[in-house]
């Protein structure tokens, strides 16, 4: 295995482990870290080849299945809208791919990363919540405006959860690039 394959494998295993360890709790608690799935898909789009997207989708579905059927997690969110997590996660994956094509090791690029991640997370929030409203059959007596007002309170925690992991990944990336540059100069 060459150096690139080793890095790809290590990143893939890390992202799989992170999603598996955090997926059961969306916003976190005193005992659990918040769900890293949003960040995982964006980071996978940036770092990993295309085959990782379907692999991560399968993992997400499997983790949810196990959590609902064996882990005591309430299946309330599991509805026909669940299938819309595919485009939700694709938006994040695509944002990572889009950023990878533009990436340069610079402060400006870091600002671009933050803007792209913010926009993609916002679109992901809209897709997942609009589809839940439309297809979950829980909101027949609630107007779209009322639903929007109710779920708006979750946007900031949704964004914070993603950016917690994206910030840590950016810091690790910067450190890794600096270490590699110093090693190349030695």
Protein backbone atom coordinates (compact mmCIF):
# COMPACT_ATOMS: atom_id res chain seq x y z
CA UNK A 1 0.00 0.00 0.00
CA UNK A 2 1.44 3.37 -0.99
CA UNK A 3 1.33 6.53 1.12
CA UNK A 4 -1.82 7.91 -0.56
CA UNK A 5 -3.69 4.63 -0.06
CA UNK A 6 -2.57 4.52 3.57
CA UNK A 7 -3.85 8.07 4.18
CA UNK A 8 -7.14 7.34 2.39
CA UNK A 9 -7.66 4.18 4.43
CA UNK A 10 -6.85 5.95 7.69
CA UNK A 11 -9.23 8.82 6.93
CA UNK A 12 -11.99 6.41 5.87
CA UNK A 13 -11.64 4.34 9.05
CA UNK A 14 -11.57 7.49 11.18
CA UNK A 15 -14.74 8.86 9.56
CA UNK A 16 -16.53 5.50 9.86
CA UNK A 17 -15.62 5.29 13.54
CA UNK A 18 -16.65 8.88 14.20
CA UNK A 19 -20.07 8.41 12.62
CA UNK A 20 -20.63 5.08 14.35
CA UNK A 21 -19.69 6.54 17.73
CA UNK A 22 -21.83 9.67 17.48
CA UNK A 23 -24.86 8.95 15.28
CA UNK A 24 -27.28 7.99 18.06
CA UNK A 25 -27.55 11.52 19.50
CA UNK A 26 -28.21 14.42 17.12
CA UNK A 27 -27.20 17.38 19.28
CA UNK A 28 -25.21 15.71 22.04
CA UNK A 29 -25.69 15.61 25.77
CA UNK A 30 -23.65 15.40 28.92
CA UNK A 31 -22.90 11.77 28.06
CA UNK A 32 -22.77 11.79 24.25
CA UNK A 33 -21.01 13.77 21.57
CA UNK A 34 -23.29 15.32 18.93
CA UNK A 35 -23.89 13.46 15.67
CA UNK A 36 -20.92 13.88 13.33
CA UNK A 37 -22.70 12.63 10.20
CA UNK A 38 -22.96 16.04 8.51
CA UNK A 39 -19.26 16.72 8.94
CA UNK A 40 -18.36 13.14 8.02
CA UNK A 41 -20.04 13.41 4.62
CA UNK A 42 -18.49 16.80 3.89
CA UNK A 43 -15.03 15.63 4.94
CA UNK A 44 -15.44 12.40 2.97
CA UNK A 45 -16.25 14.47 -0.11
CA UNK A 46 -13.05 16.42 0.41
CA UNK A 47 -10.66 13.60 1.27
CA UNK A 48 -12.02 10.34 -0.11
CA UNK A 49 -12.75 8.77 -3.50
CA UNK A 50 -16.30 8.45 -4.81
CA UNK A 51 -16.83 4.91 -3.50
CA UNK A 52 -16.87 6.25 0.05
CA UNK A 53 -20.22 8.03 -0.39
CA UNK A 54 -22.35 4.89 -0.83
CA UNK A 55 -20.30 3.09 1.81
CA UNK A 56 -21.04 5.85 4.33
CA UNK A 57 -24.74 5.83 3.37
CA UNK A 58 -24.87 2.10 4.11
CA UNK A 59 -23.13 2.68 7.43
CA UNK A 60 -25.57 5.45 8.38
CA UNK A 61 -28.53 3.22 7.60
CA UNK A 62 -27.04 0.29 9.48
CA UNK A 63 -26.23 2.38 12.55
CA UNK A 64 -29.77 3.79 12.55
CA UNK A 65 -31.27 0.31 12.14
CA UNK A 66 -29.24 -1.04 15.05
CA UNK A 67 -29.95 2.00 17.23
CA UNK A 68 -33.71 1.77 16.64
CA UNK A 69 -34.04 -2.01 16.85
CA UNK A 70 -31.46 -2.85 19.50
CA UNK A 71 -30.21 0.37 21.07
CA UNK A 72 -33.40 1.77 22.52
CA UNK A 73 -33.45 4.81 20.22
CA UNK A 74 -36.96 5.99 19.37
CA UNK A 75 -37.85 5.39 15.71
CA UNK A 76 -40.05 8.49 15.49
CA UNK A 77 -37.81 10.08 12.86
CA UNK A 78 -37.83 6.95 10.74
CA UNK A 79 -40.49 7.68 8.12
CA UNK A 80 -40.73 7.89 4.31
CA UNK A 81 -38.76 11.13 4.72
CA UNK A 82 -35.76 9.06 5.84
CA UNK A 83 -34.90 8.47 2.17
CA UNK A 84 -34.30 12.20 1.81
CA UNK A 85 -31.19 11.81 3.92
CA UNK A 86 -29.57 10.62 0.68
CA UNK A 87 -29.84 14.06 -1.01
CA UNK A 88 -29.17 15.72 2.35
CA UNK A 89 -25.86 13.91 2.66
CA UNK A 90 -25.13 14.27 -1.04
CA UNK A 91 -25.24 18.05 -0.67
CA UNK A 92 -22.55 17.80 1.99
CA UNK A 93 -20.54 15.27 -0.01
CA UNK A 94 -20.73 17.49 -3.10
CA UNK A 95 -19.67 20.52 -1.06
CA UNK A 96 -16.57 18.59 0.02
CA UNK A 97 -15.83 17.61 -3.61
CA UNK A 98 -16.41 21.20 -4.73
CA UNK A 99 -14.06 22.54 -2.08
CA UNK A 100 -11.41 19.91 -2.85
CA UNK A 101 -11.21 21.21 -6.42
CA UNK A 102 -10.63 24.77 -5.15
CA UNK A 103 -8.46 23.96 -2.13
CA UNK A 104 -5.22 25.82 -1.56
CA UNK A 105 -3.35 25.94 1.72
CA UNK A 106 -4.15 29.56 2.60
CA UNK A 107 -6.24 31.67 4.93
CA UNK A 108 -8.49 32.67 2.03
CA UNK A 109 -9.14 29.01 1.27
CA UNK A 110 -10.02 28.40 4.89
CA UNK A 111 -12.60 31.20 4.70
CA UNK A 112 -13.97 29.61 1.50
CA UNK A 113 -14.19 26.29 3.34
CA UNK A 114 -16.21 27.88 6.14
CA UNK A 115 -18.58 29.57 3.67
CA UNK A 116 -19.07 26.39 1.62
CA UNK A 117 -19.61 24.32 4.77
CA UNK A 118 -22.11 26.87 6.12
CA UNK A 119 -24.07 26.93 2.85
CA UNK A 120 -24.06 23.14 2.48
CA UNK A 121 -25.14 22.62 6.08
CA UNK A 122 -27.95 25.13 5.60
CA UNK A 123 -29.17 23.37 2.45
CA UNK A 124 -28.90 20.00 4.21
CA UNK A 125 -31.02 21.37 7.07
CA UNK A 126 -33.66 22.56 4.61
CA UNK A 127 -33.78 19.26 2.72
CA UNK A 128 -33.99 17.09 5.81
CA UNK A 129 -36.58 19.22 7.58
CA UNK A 130 -38.75 20.04 4.56
CA UNK A 131 -38.88 16.36 3.59
CA UNK A 132 -39.78 15.42 7.17
CA UNK A 133 -42.63 17.93 7.11
CA UNK A 134 -43.88 16.71 3.73
CA UNK A 135 -43.51 12.94 4.13
CA UNK A 136 -43.53 11.99 7.81
CA UNK A 137 -47.33 12.26 8.21
CA UNK A 138 -47.00 13.90 11.62
CA UNK A 139 -47.87 17.45 10.65
CA UNK A 140 -51.22 17.35 8.86
CA UNK A 141 -52.66 20.04 11.14
CA UNK A 142 -49.61 22.27 11.03
CA UNK A 143 -48.96 24.79 8.26
CA UNK A 144 -45.57 24.95 6.60
CA UNK A 145 -44.99 28.33 8.27
CA UNK A 146 -45.79 26.91 11.70
CA UNK A 147 -43.50 23.95 11.08
CA UNK A 148 -40.74 26.28 9.88
CA UNK A 149 -41.04 28.32 13.06
CA UNK A 150 -40.86 25.15 15.16
CA UNK A 151 -37.78 23.68 13.47
CA UNK A 152 -35.91 26.98 13.11
CA UNK A 153 -34.80 26.59 16.72
CA UNK A 154 -32.80 23.53 15.69
CA UNK A 155 -30.76 25.24 12.98
CA UNK A 156 -28.09 26.64 15.30
CA UNK A 157 -27.48 23.29 17.10
CA UNK A 158 -27.45 21.57 13.67
CA UNK A 159 -24.83 24.03 12.46
CA UNK A 160 -22.84 23.87 15.71
CA UNK A 161 -22.70 20.07 15.62
CA UNK A 162 -21.29 20.10 12.11
CA UNK A 163 -18.83 22.92 12.78
CA UNK A 164 -17.55 21.32 15.99
CA UNK A 165 -16.15 18.48 13.89
CA UNK A 166 -15.27 20.57 10.83
CA UNK A 167 -13.23 22.97 12.98
CA UNK A 168 -11.36 20.09 14.59
CA UNK A 169 -10.73 18.58 11.14
CA UNK A 170 -9.46 21.90 9.79
CA UNK A 171 -7.05 22.26 12.71
CA UNK A 172 -5.80 18.69 12.23
CA UNK A 173 -5.42 19.31 8.50
CA UNK A 174 -3.37 22.47 9.07
CA UNK A 175 -1.13 20.68 11.58
CA UNK A 176 -0.66 17.71 9.23
CA UNK A 177 0.27 19.96 6.31
CA UNK A 178 2.77 21.89 8.46
CA UNK A 179 4.34 18.68 9.78
CA UNK A 180 4.60 17.26 6.26
CA UNK A 181 6.21 20.46 4.98
CA UNK A 182 8.77 20.47 7.78
CA UNK A 183 9.54 16.80 7.20
CA UNK A 184 10.05 17.45 3.49
CA UNK A 185 12.52 20.26 4.29
CA UNK A 186 14.54 18.15 6.70
